[in-house]
Amino acid sequence: MGERVGPSAEIVVDRIFESVLVAEQALNPALAALRLTRRYSAERVEAAYRIAVAGSIRSPRYAHLRPILEADQDKPSAPPT
């Protein structure tokens, strides 16, 4: 489902589906996380997924990913001058 965005997106979607007992319960959270590509580029969303997967969040959701993008944490920091 998330393979079009990138490998980290696929991991996030898989984790969302693994976290529920009934697969239908994961559809809305997975689609909400993927829907971030409507507002942000696929590259930025993939970077946010990568940050979330590397963190301590077992099953990253929209509520975890959106703040990463809004705070520009997905963008590489500029080197100090």
C-alpha atoms as a PDB file:
ATOM      1  CA  MET A   1       0.000   0.000   0.000  1.00  0.00           C
ATOM      2  CA  GLY A   2       2.800   2.455   0.817  1.00  0.00           C
ATOM      3  CA  GLU A   3       5.378   1.227  -1.677  1.00  0.00           C
ATOM      4  CA  ARG A   4       4.672   4.132  -4.060  1.00  0.00           C
ATOM      5  CA  VAL A   5       5.898   6.636  -1.464  1.00  0.00           C
ATOM      6  CA  GLY A   6       8.957   4.672  -0.368  1.00  0.00           C
ATOM      7  CA  PRO A   7      10.304   1.817   1.745  1.00  0.00           C
ATOM      8  CA  SER A   8       9.719   3.561   5.081  1.00  0.00           C
ATOM      9  CA  ALA A   9       6.115   4.250   4.107  1.00  0.00           C
ATOM     10  CA  GLU A  10       5.640   0.562   3.484  1.00  0.00           C
ATOM     11  CA  ILE A  11       7.074  -0.215   6.938  1.00  0.00           C
ATOM     12  CA  VAL A  12       4.722   2.314   8.576  1.00  0.00           C
ATOM     13  CA  VAL A  13       1.676   0.896   6.794  1.00  0.00           C
ATOM     14  CA  ASP A  14       2.707  -2.650   7.710  1.00  0.00           C
ATOM     15  CA  ARG A  15       3.117  -1.634  11.351  1.00  0.00           C
ATOM     16  CA  ILE A  16      -0.306  -0.002  11.373  1.00  0.00           C
ATOM     17  CA  PHE A  17      -1.873  -3.205  10.066  1.00  0.00           C
ATOM     18  CA  GLU A  18       0.103  -5.322  12.545  1.00  0.00           C
ATOM     19  CA  SER A  19      -1.151  -3.222  15.457  1.00  0.00           C
ATOM     20  CA  VAL A  20      -4.839  -4.090  15.007  1.00  0.00           C
ATOM     21  CA  LEU A  21      -6.770  -7.342  15.333  1.00  0.00           C
ATOM     22  CA  VAL A  22      -9.086  -6.733  12.365  1.00  0.00           C
ATOM     23  CA  ALA A  23      -7.501  -5.467   9.136  1.00  0.00           C
ATOM     24  CA  GLU A  24     -10.395  -3.084   8.434  1.00  0.00           C
ATOM     25  CA  GLN A  25      -9.479  -1.134  11.580  1.00  0.00           C
ATOM     26  CA  ALA A  26      -6.157  -0.187   9.985  1.00  0.00           C
ATOM     27  CA  LEU A  27      -7.518   1.187   6.723  1.00  0.00           C
ATOM     28  CA  ASN A  28      -8.368   4.715   7.892  1.00  0.00           C
ATOM     29  CA  PRO A  29      -5.134   5.249   9.885  1.00  0.00           C
ATOM     30  CA  ALA A  30      -3.038   3.906   6.989  1.00  0.00           C
ATOM     31  CA  LEU A  31      -4.839   6.053   4.424  1.00  0.00           C
ATOM     32  CA  ALA A  32      -4.560   9.125   6.663  1.00  0.00           C
ATOM     33  CA  ALA A  33      -0.803   8.632   6.929  1.00  0.00           C
ATOM     34  CA  LEU A  34      -0.500   8.184   3.168  1.00  0.00           C
ATOM     35  CA  ARG A  35      -2.769  11.177   2.542  1.00  0.00           C
ATOM     36  CA  LEU A  36       0.002  13.435   3.830  1.00  0.00           C
ATOM     37  CA  THR A  37       1.402  13.279   0.284  1.00  0.00           C
ATOM     38  CA  ARG A  38      -1.445  15.553  -0.803  1.00  0.00           C
ATOM     39  CA  ARG A  39      -0.014  18.403   1.239  1.00  0.00           C
ATOM     40  CA  TYR A  40       3.704  17.540   1.290  1.00  0.00           C
ATOM     41  CA  SER A  41       6.002  16.038  -1.336  1.00  0.00           C
ATOM     42  CA  ALA A  42       6.517  12.287  -1.345  1.00  0.00           C
ATOM     43  CA  GLU A  43      10.184  12.844  -0.476  1.00  0.00           C
ATOM     44  CA  ARG A  44       9.305  14.833   2.656  1.00  0.00           C
ATOM     45  CA  VAL A  45       6.663  12.344   3.733  1.00  0.00           C
ATOM     46  CA  GLU A  46       9.113   9.462   3.227  1.00  0.00           C
ATOM     47  CA  ALA A  47      11.673  11.334   5.356  1.00  0.00           C
ATOM     48  CA  ALA A  48       9.056  11.800   8.098  1.00  0.00           C
ATOM     49  CA  TYR A  49       8.249   8.087   7.946  1.00  0.00           C
ATOM     50  CA  ARG A  50      11.962   7.303   8.237  1.00  0.00           C
ATOM     51  CA  ILE A  51      12.238   9.511  11.348  1.00  0.00           C
ATOM     52  CA  ALA A  52       9.167   7.920  12.910  1.00  0.00           C
ATOM     53  CA  VAL A  53      10.387   4.377  12.209  1.00  0.00           C
ATOM     54  CA  ALA A  54      13.799   5.161  13.704  1.00  0.00           C
ATOM     55  CA  GLY A  55      12.162   6.539  16.853  1.00  0.00           C
ATOM     56  CA  SER A  56      10.503   4.711  19.689  1.00  0.00           C
ATOM     57  CA  ILE A  57       6.994   4.778  18.190  1.00  0.00           C
ATOM     58  CA  ARG A  58       5.922   1.215  17.448  1.00  0.00           C
ATOM     59  CA  SER A  59       3.080   2.100  15.090  1.00  0.00           C
ATOM     60  CA  PRO A  60       3.427   5.675  13.748  1.00  0.00           C
ATOM     61  CA  ARG A  61       0.144   7.344  12.848  1.00  0.00           C
ATOM     62  CA  TYR A  62      -0.949  10.604  11.249  1.00  0.00           C
ATOM     63  CA  ALA A  63      -0.808  12.318  14.656  1.00  0.00           C
ATOM     64  CA  HIS A  64       2.885  11.399  14.937  1.00  0.00           C
ATOM     65  CA  LEU A  65       3.845  12.173  11.338  1.00  0.00           C
ATOM     66  CA  ARG A  66       2.100  15.525  10.817  1.00  0.00           C
ATOM     67  CA  PRO A  67       4.061  17.362  13.548  1.00  0.00           C
ATOM     68  CA  ILE A  68       7.341  16.105  12.055  1.00  0.00           C
ATOM     69  CA  LEU A  69       6.395  17.682   8.735  1.00  0.00           C
ATOM     70  CA  GLU A  70       4.961  20.878  10.226  1.00  0.00           C
ATOM     71  CA  ALA A  71       8.114  21.476  12.255  1.00  0.00           C
ATOM     72  CA  ASP A  72      10.321  20.750   9.211  1.00  0.00           C
ATOM     73  CA  GLN A  73      12.140  18.049  11.170  1.00  0.00           C
ATOM     74  CA  ASP A  74      12.291  16.025   7.977  1.00  0.00           C
ATOM     75  CA  LYS A  75      14.489  18.602   6.249  1.00  0.00           C
ATOM     76  CA  PRO A  76      18.256  18.366   6.651  1.00  0.00           C
ATOM     77  CA  SER A  77      19.569  21.023   8.966  1.00  0.00           C
ATOM     78  CA  ALA A  78      21.830  23.675   7.515  1.00  0.00           C
ATOM     79  CA  PRO A  79      25.473  23.459   8.588  1.00  0.00           C
ATOM     80  CA  PRO A  80      26.471  26.097  11.136  1.00  0.00           C
ATOM     81  CA  THR A  81      28.300  29.067   9.654  1.00  0.00           C
END
